[in-house]
Amino acid sequence: MRLVGGVAVILGLLGIFSTLAQGNLVGIVLSILFIGGGVFLLKRSGPDRRTDPAPRAAR
């Protein structure tokens, strides 16, 4: 999920820069959705802090 999230964020950033020059509102909205989805996937792929009993520094 981390790879897919990273790719989605990069594609979203590239898309938003390319559509800003054209002024295409649909492209800007789709790019924002790509960025949001990528950030969501990156957050979900990290370690779960609630089930991890000891912090990483204490191990």
C-alpha atoms as a PDB file:
ATOM      1  CA  MET A   1       0.000   0.000   0.000  1.00  0.00           C
ATOM      2  CA  ARG A   2       2.930   2.303   0.642  1.00  0.00           C
ATOM      3  CA  LEU A   3       4.101   2.092  -2.972  1.00  0.00           C
ATOM      4  CA  VAL A   4       0.621   2.701  -4.389  1.00  0.00           C
ATOM      5  CA  GLY A   5       0.099   5.629  -2.011  1.00  0.00           C
ATOM      6  CA  GLY A   6       3.406   7.211  -2.978  1.00  0.00           C
ATOM      7  CA  VAL A   7       2.687   6.833  -6.669  1.00  0.00           C
ATOM      8  CA  ALA A   8      -0.802   8.317  -6.217  1.00  0.00           C
ATOM      9  CA  VAL A   9       0.608  11.368  -4.412  1.00  0.00           C
ATOM     10  CA  ILE A  10       3.248  11.908  -7.104  1.00  0.00           C
ATOM     11  CA  LEU A  11       0.689  11.541  -9.913  1.00  0.00           C
ATOM     12  CA  GLY A  12      -1.660  13.901  -8.094  1.00  0.00           C
ATOM     13  CA  LEU A  13       1.048  16.545  -7.721  1.00  0.00           C
ATOM     14  CA  LEU A  14       2.058  16.241 -11.360  1.00  0.00           C
ATOM     15  CA  GLY A  15      -1.578  16.406 -12.412  1.00  0.00           C
ATOM     16  CA  ILE A  16      -2.362  19.468 -10.346  1.00  0.00           C
ATOM     17  CA  PHE A  17       0.608  21.381 -11.755  1.00  0.00           C
ATOM     18  CA  SER A  18      -0.277  20.471 -15.319  1.00  0.00           C
ATOM     19  CA  THR A  19      -3.968  21.339 -14.960  1.00  0.00           C
ATOM     20  CA  LEU A  20      -3.339  24.614 -13.132  1.00  0.00           C
ATOM     21  CA  ALA A  21      -1.690  25.961 -16.265  1.00  0.00           C
ATOM     22  CA  GLN A  22      -4.748  25.009 -18.321  1.00  0.00           C
ATOM     23  CA  GLY A  23      -7.345  26.031 -15.756  1.00  0.00           C
ATOM     24  CA  ASN A  24      -9.185  22.719 -16.015  1.00  0.00           C
ATOM     25  CA  LEU A  25     -11.355  22.433 -12.896  1.00  0.00           C
ATOM     26  CA  VAL A  26     -12.137  18.726 -13.353  1.00  0.00           C
ATOM     27  CA  GLY A  27      -8.431  17.916 -13.583  1.00  0.00           C
ATOM     28  CA  ILE A  28      -7.692  19.907 -10.441  1.00  0.00           C
ATOM     29  CA  VAL A  29     -10.425  18.067  -8.507  1.00  0.00           C
ATOM     30  CA  LEU A  30      -9.188  14.678  -9.732  1.00  0.00           C
ATOM     31  CA  SER A  31      -5.636  15.574  -8.766  1.00  0.00           C
ATOM     32  CA  ILE A  32      -6.762  16.560  -5.278  1.00  0.00           C
ATOM     33  CA  LEU A  33      -8.579  13.226  -4.994  1.00  0.00           C
ATOM     34  CA  PHE A  34      -5.410  11.383  -6.044  1.00  0.00           C
ATOM     35  CA  ILE A  35      -3.371  13.258  -3.447  1.00  0.00           C
ATOM     36  CA  GLY A  36      -5.955  12.606  -0.725  1.00  0.00           C
ATOM     37  CA  GLY A  37      -6.191   8.926  -1.577  1.00  0.00           C
ATOM     38  CA  GLY A  38      -2.425   8.577  -1.650  1.00  0.00           C
ATOM     39  CA  VAL A  39      -2.048  10.244   1.733  1.00  0.00           C
ATOM     40  CA  PHE A  40      -4.758   7.969   3.121  1.00  0.00           C
ATOM     41  CA  LEU A  41      -2.943   4.884   1.822  1.00  0.00           C
ATOM     42  CA  LEU A  42       0.371   6.106   3.207  1.00  0.00           C
ATOM     43  CA  LYS A  43      -1.186   6.685   6.630  1.00  0.00           C
ATOM     44  CA  ARG A  44      -2.831   3.242   6.592  1.00  0.00           C
ATOM     45  CA  SER A  45       0.394   1.468   5.629  1.00  0.00           C
ATOM     46  CA  GLY A  46       2.318   2.732   8.677  1.00  0.00           C
ATOM     47  CA  PRO A  47       2.528   0.892  11.981  1.00  0.00           C
ATOM     48  CA  ASP A  48      -0.610   0.808  14.090  1.00  0.00           C
ATOM     49  CA  ARG A  49       0.178   2.875  17.169  1.00  0.00           C
ATOM     50  CA  ARG A  50      -2.753   1.503  19.194  1.00  0.00           C
ATOM     51  CA  THR A  51      -1.680  -2.157  19.052  1.00  0.00           C
ATOM     52  CA  ASP A  52       2.074  -1.523  19.375  1.00  0.00           C
ATOM     53  CA  PRO A  53       2.712  -1.949  23.136  1.00  0.00           C
ATOM     54  CA  ALA A  54       6.244  -0.538  23.249  1.00  0.00           C
ATOM     55  CA  PRO A  55       7.606   2.464  21.342  1.00  0.00           C
ATOM     56  CA  ARG A  56      10.352   1.753  18.822  1.00  0.00           C
ATOM     57  CA  ALA A  57      12.979   3.585  20.905  1.00  0.00           C
ATOM     58  CA  ALA A  58      12.350   1.293  23.897  1.00  0.00           C
ATOM     59  CA  ARG A  59      13.095  -1.920  21.978  1.00  0.00           C
END
